[in-house]
Amino acid sequence: MKRLRTVNEAYAEILKEDKNTAITPYRIRVLCKANKVKNIPNGNRILIDLDDLLEKINSLDIVI
């Protein structure tokens, strides 16, 4: 099962792992709009595949 999170929930998960992260909610939204991270638009919200986001950040597969 996919772990789908909103932008703010995904950001909170990143903060748990790294308190001094340079990733911002805005940057997560930009990555979603560029389709660099798996996401599902849901009305005004974006549901993000948290595992895909973390994998891309950890592997530096995306340019932030």
Protein backbone atom coordinates (compact mmCIF):
# COMPACT_ATOMS: atom_id res chain seq x y z
CA MET A 1 0.00 0.00 0.00
CA LYS A 2 1.27 3.45 -0.92
CA ARG A 3 1.86 5.98 1.83
CA LEU A 4 0.03 9.02 0.44
CA ARG A 5 0.51 12.32 2.25
CA THR A 6 -0.40 15.94 1.67
CA VAL A 7 2.42 18.41 1.08
CA ASN A 8 2.47 19.52 4.72
CA GLU A 9 2.33 15.95 6.02
CA ALA A 10 5.20 14.93 3.72
CA TYR A 11 7.19 17.94 4.90
CA ALA A 12 6.56 16.95 8.54
CA GLU A 13 7.88 13.45 7.79
CA ILE A 14 11.05 14.93 6.27
CA LEU A 15 11.50 17.17 9.32
CA LYS A 16 11.32 14.11 11.61
CA GLU A 17 14.34 12.65 9.82
CA ASP A 18 16.27 15.89 9.35
CA LYS A 19 15.48 18.92 11.52
CA ASN A 20 17.75 21.18 9.44
CA THR A 21 16.46 20.18 6.02
CA ALA A 22 16.67 22.60 3.13
CA ILE A 23 13.54 21.09 1.56
CA THR A 24 10.46 23.33 1.89
CA PRO A 25 6.76 22.67 1.28
CA TYR A 26 7.01 25.01 -1.71
CA ARG A 27 9.79 22.88 -3.24
CA ILE A 28 7.70 19.73 -2.75
CA ARG A 29 4.81 21.40 -4.62
CA VAL A 30 7.16 22.40 -7.46
CA LEU A 31 8.44 18.82 -7.75
CA CYS A 32 4.86 17.57 -7.96
CA LYS A 33 3.86 20.10 -10.62
CA ALA A 34 6.91 19.08 -12.68
CA ASN A 35 5.88 15.40 -12.26
CA LYS A 36 9.26 14.52 -10.74
CA VAL A 37 7.50 12.86 -7.78
CA LYS A 38 4.50 10.54 -8.01
CA ASN A 39 1.41 12.45 -6.92
CA ILE A 40 -2.37 12.51 -7.21
CA PRO A 41 -4.24 15.81 -7.45
CA ASN A 42 -7.21 15.74 -5.07
CA GLY A 43 -9.25 18.92 -5.38
CA ASN A 44 -7.07 21.71 -4.00
CA ARG A 45 -4.72 19.23 -2.36
CA ILE A 46 -1.88 17.17 -3.76
CA LEU A 47 -1.43 13.65 -2.40
CA ILE A 48 2.22 12.62 -2.62
CA ASP A 49 3.70 9.12 -2.65
CA LEU A 50 5.90 9.61 0.42
CA ASP A 51 8.15 6.64 -0.35
CA ASP A 52 8.85 7.96 -3.86
CA LEU A 53 9.60 11.45 -2.53
CA LEU A 54 12.04 10.16 0.10
CA GLU A 55 13.69 7.81 -2.39
CA LYS A 56 14.23 10.62 -4.90
CA ILE A 57 15.62 12.96 -2.24
CA ASN A 58 17.94 10.31 -0.79
CA SER A 59 19.25 9.21 -4.18
CA LEU A 60 19.61 12.79 -5.46
CA ASP A 61 17.70 11.64 -8.52
CA ILE A 62 16.09 15.06 -8.77
CA VAL A 63 17.50 18.54 -8.94
CA ILE A 64 16.09 20.57 -6.09
